Protein backbone atom coordinates (compact mmCIF):
# COMPACT_ATOMS: atom_id res chain seq x y z
CA MET A 1 -6.71 -41.29 3.61
CA ILE A 2 -3.86 -39.64 5.45
CA LYS A 3 -2.72 -38.02 2.20
CA LYS A 4 -6.13 -36.38 1.65
CA SER A 5 -6.19 -34.89 5.12
CA LEU A 6 -2.60 -33.67 4.81
CA LEU A 7 -3.32 -32.16 1.39
CA PHE A 8 -6.27 -30.21 2.79
CA PHE A 9 -4.10 -28.90 5.61
CA ILE A 10 -1.31 -27.79 3.25
CA LEU A 11 -3.66 -26.14 0.74
CA PHE A 12 -5.38 -24.13 3.44
CA PHE A 13 -2.13 -22.71 4.78
CA LEU A 14 -0.94 -21.89 1.27
CA PHE A 15 -4.18 -19.97 0.79
CA LEU A 16 -3.79 -18.24 4.14
CA PHE A 17 -0.20 -17.24 3.34
CA SER A 18 -1.11 -15.86 -0.08
CA PHE A 19 -4.04 -13.97 1.40
CA THR A 20 -1.83 -12.14 3.88
CA LYS A 21 0.76 -11.30 1.21
CA THR A 22 -1.58 -9.78 -1.38
CA GLY A 23 -2.57 -6.63 0.40
CA PHE A 24 -5.20 -7.68 2.92
CA CYS A 25 -4.46 -4.46 4.78
CA VAL A 26 -2.43 -1.42 3.92
CA GLU A 27 -0.75 0.98 6.31
CA VAL A 28 -2.03 4.51 5.67
CA ASP A 29 -0.37 7.30 7.63
CA GLY A 30 -2.53 10.05 6.16
CA THR A 31 -4.14 11.54 3.07
CA ALA A 32 -3.29 14.65 1.08
CA LEU A 33 -4.43 16.47 -2.04
CA VAL A 34 -1.94 16.49 -4.93
CA THR A 35 -1.39 20.03 -6.21
CA ASN A 36 1.69 19.79 -8.43
CA ILE A 37 3.50 17.09 -10.38
CA ILE A 38 7.27 17.69 -10.44
CA ASP A 39 8.31 14.63 -12.46
CA GLY A 40 7.43 10.97 -12.83
CA ASN A 41 8.24 10.06 -9.24
CA THR A 42 7.87 13.31 -7.28
CA PHE A 43 4.93 15.58 -6.53
CA ASP A 44 3.72 18.27 -4.15
CA VAL A 45 0.67 18.17 -1.91
CA TYR A 46 -1.53 21.01 -0.71
CA THR A 47 0.61 21.61 2.39
CA GLU A 48 3.53 22.46 0.05
CA ASP A 49 5.31 19.30 1.13
CA THR A 50 7.02 17.14 -1.47
CA ILE A 51 6.40 13.41 -1.81
CA ARG A 52 8.97 11.04 -3.35
CA LEU A 53 7.64 7.69 -4.55
CA ALA A 54 9.60 5.03 -2.72
CA ASP A 55 11.95 2.59 -4.41
CA ILE A 56 11.23 3.53 -8.02
CA ASN A 57 13.02 5.79 -10.47
CA THR A 58 11.73 7.52 -13.61
CA PRO A 59 13.76 9.37 -16.26
CA GLU A 60 14.54 13.05 -15.70
CA LEU A 61 12.38 15.48 -17.67
CA ASP A 62 15.19 16.16 -20.14
CA GLU A 63 15.71 12.42 -20.72
CA PRO A 64 13.71 10.15 -23.06
CA GLY A 65 10.51 9.07 -21.36
CA GLY A 66 10.73 11.67 -18.61
CA GLN A 67 7.85 13.84 -19.80
CA GLU A 68 5.73 10.77 -20.54
CA ALA A 69 6.25 9.49 -16.99
CA LYS A 70 5.28 12.89 -15.57
CA ASP A 71 2.16 13.03 -17.75
CA PHE A 72 1.14 9.54 -16.71
CA LEU A 73 1.54 10.36 -13.01
CA SER A 74 -0.40 13.60 -13.55
CA ASP A 75 -3.31 11.76 -15.17
CA LEU A 76 -3.29 9.32 -12.27
CA ILE A 77 -3.23 11.62 -9.23
CA TYR A 78 -3.18 15.35 -10.08
CA MET A 79 -5.77 17.28 -8.00
CA LYS A 80 -6.85 14.02 -6.37
CA PRO A 81 -6.48 12.80 -2.79
CA VAL A 82 -3.82 10.18 -2.23
CA TYR A 83 -3.17 7.80 0.63
CA LEU A 84 0.37 7.89 2.01
CA ASP A 85 2.32 5.03 3.55
CA ILE A 86 5.41 6.87 4.86
CA ASP A 87 8.72 5.11 5.34
CA ASP A 88 8.93 4.14 9.02
CA TYR A 89 12.73 4.04 9.00
CA TYR A 90 13.81 7.48 7.83
CA GLN A 91 10.66 9.28 6.57
CA PHE A 92 12.76 11.46 4.21
CA ASP A 93 15.12 10.82 1.32
CA THR A 94 18.77 11.83 1.35
CA THR A 95 17.89 15.47 0.64
CA GLY A 96 16.02 15.62 3.94
CA THR A 97 13.13 17.47 2.29
CA ARG A 98 11.11 14.87 0.37
CA ILE A 99 8.87 12.41 2.20
CA VAL A 100 9.42 8.84 0.99
CA CYS A 101 6.12 7.02 0.49
CA VAL A 102 4.30 4.23 -1.16
CA VAL A 103 1.32 6.12 -2.52
CA TYR A 104 -2.19 4.83 -3.16
CA THR A 105 -5.05 6.37 -5.07
CA TYR A 106 -8.76 5.56 -5.03
CA TYR A 107 -9.68 2.70 -7.38
CA ASN A 108 -13.15 1.68 -6.24
CA SER A 109 -15.18 1.24 -3.08
CA THR A 110 -13.20 -1.84 -2.08
CA HIS A 111 -9.69 -1.27 -3.40
CA LEU A 112 -6.89 1.28 -3.70
CA LEU A 113 -4.37 1.37 -6.54
CA ASN A 114 -0.65 1.28 -5.73
CA VAL A 115 0.78 4.26 -7.66
CA ASN A 116 4.39 3.09 -7.30
CA LYS A 117 3.48 -0.33 -8.66
CA VAL A 118 1.43 0.88 -11.61
CA LEU A 119 4.30 3.09 -12.81
CA LEU A 120 6.51 0.00 -12.78
CA ASN A 121 3.92 -2.16 -14.52
CA GLU A 122 3.33 0.40 -17.26
CA GLY A 123 7.05 0.76 -17.97
CA TYR A 124 7.42 4.38 -16.84
CA ALA A 125 9.68 3.48 -13.90
CA VAL A 126 12.26 0.95 -12.80
CA ILE A 127 12.92 -0.44 -9.34
CA ASP A 128 15.45 1.54 -7.31
CA ASN A 129 15.45 -0.35 -4.03
CA ASN A 130 16.74 1.94 -1.27
CA ASP A 131 17.35 1.50 2.44
CA ASN A 132 13.84 1.81 3.86
CA GLU A 133 10.97 -0.34 5.11
CA PHE A 134 9.61 -1.12 1.64
CA ASP A 135 10.19 -4.10 -0.61
CA PRO A 136 9.02 -3.33 -4.16
CA ASN A 137 9.07 -7.02 -5.03
CA SER A 138 6.27 -7.64 -2.54
CA TRP A 139 3.93 -4.87 -3.75
CA SER A 140 0.44 -5.68 -4.96
CA LEU A 141 -1.16 -3.53 -7.63
CA TYR A 142 -4.43 -3.41 -5.70
CA VAL A 143 -4.94 -3.40 -1.94
CA LEU A 144 -8.07 -3.42 0.14
CA ASN A 145 -9.46 0.06 0.73
CA PRO A 146 -9.44 0.86 4.46
CA THR A 147 -12.06 3.59 3.84
CA THR A 148 -14.81 1.51 2.28
CA SER A 149 -17.50 3.90 3.50
CA SER A 150 -16.78 6.37 0.68
CA PRO A 151 -19.09 5.76 -2.31
CA SER A 152 -17.57 8.44 -4.51
CA PRO A 153 -14.67 7.84 -6.95
CA THR A 154 -13.05 10.90 -5.34
CA PRO A 155 -13.05 10.50 -1.55
CA THR A 156 -13.64 13.54 0.59
CA ILE A 157 -10.50 14.60 2.45
CA SER A 158 -11.65 17.78 4.14
CA PRO A 159 -10.27 18.71 6.57
CA ALA A 160 -7.01 17.44 5.10
CA PRO A 161 -4.09 16.11 7.12
CA THR A 162 -1.06 18.11 8.07
CA ILE A 163 2.30 16.90 6.82
CA THR A 164 5.14 19.07 8.04
CA PRO A 165 8.55 17.60 7.17
CA THR A 166 11.86 19.09 8.22
CA PRO A 167 15.33 17.56 7.75
CA THR A 168 15.64 16.96 11.50
CA SER A 169 12.16 15.84 12.47
CA SER A 170 9.54 13.34 11.45
CA PRO A 171 6.46 14.34 9.44
CA ILE A 172 3.28 14.94 11.39
CA ILE A 173 0.38 13.00 9.98
CA SER A 174 -3.22 13.59 11.01
CA PRO A 175 -5.58 11.35 8.99
CA SER A 176 -8.77 13.00 7.81
CA PRO A 177 -11.62 12.45 10.30
CA THR A 178 -14.03 11.76 7.43
CA GLU A 179 -11.84 8.93 6.14
CA THR A 180 -9.97 7.63 9.23
CA PRO A 181 -7.67 5.29 7.30
CA GLN A 182 -6.21 3.41 10.24
CA PRO A 183 -5.87 -0.25 9.28
CA SER A 184 -3.74 -2.57 11.31
CA THR A 185 -0.17 -2.84 10.14
CA SER A 186 -0.54 -6.57 10.69
CA PRO A 187 -2.56 -8.26 7.90
CA ILE A 188 -4.55 -10.45 10.30
CA ASP A 189 -5.11 -9.94 14.01
CA PRO A 190 -3.03 -12.51 15.95
CA LEU A 191 -6.09 -13.73 17.89
CA VAL A 192 -8.04 -14.26 14.68
CA LEU A 193 -5.09 -16.04 13.09
CA GLY A 194 -4.71 -18.25 16.14
CA LEU A 195 -8.39 -19.15 16.02
CA ILE A 196 -8.16 -20.00 12.33
CA ILE A 197 -5.17 -22.24 12.96
CA VAL A 198 -7.00 -24.08 15.77
CA ILE A 199 -10.06 -24.58 13.55
CA VAL A 200 -7.93 -25.91 10.69
CA ILE A 201 -6.09 -28.32 12.96
CA LEU A 202 -9.34 -29.63 14.46
CA GLY A 203 -10.88 -29.90 11.00
CA SER A 204 -7.88 -31.81 9.72
CA VAL A 205 -8.06 -34.25 12.64
CA ILE A 206 -11.78 -34.83 12.06
CA LEU A 207 -11.24 -35.39 8.34
CA PHE A 208 -8.41 -37.77 9.09
CA LEU A 209 -10.58 -39.79 11.46
CA LEU A 210 -13.47 -39.89 9.00
CA PHE A 211 -11.30 -41.00 6.11
CA ARG A 212 -9.57 -43.61 8.29
CA LYS A 213 -12.92 -45.15 9.27
CA LYS A 214 -13.84 -45.47 5.60
């Protein structure tokens, strides 16, 4: 009887752990419209700022696979709004001009697609883990969409955010008021998590007592 109660307790916490690690929430610092694809891991947005996909590397355009990677990225995000999770540590790469981001694009009304991850999965990029907040080994291909109110495959981003990077200052991000992508950076609110833990403990005790009586 004790084993059954203990098994229930362990399975629940394994589920809870996996739930928080598979993209329950995603940090979105702002949105921007993609206006130019430079190569397989770099692109420009409408503010003339340049975005560098974090922790991945694609071949240069004059190298085998370079043009294919660029074309794939273009098909994925060109002239579409993207959701930017900007590196909290440094914001920019070593050039001081390109904003380092994990980038998401609209997938459906409930999920966003991780652009960095899909390039890896499709073989157009390899992991190039740099000194920043991101861990490419923990990325999920799909994450919950923090802007679930948008029914269209192409979310409205007007007015668009302002991203103004300089080598000596942090980018200024103003999320679109029509989208307001401001999920918590913590997957589950601590109060909610605490309540869940209390409920599980009480449930485990009750199950233990019931099984013991039998």
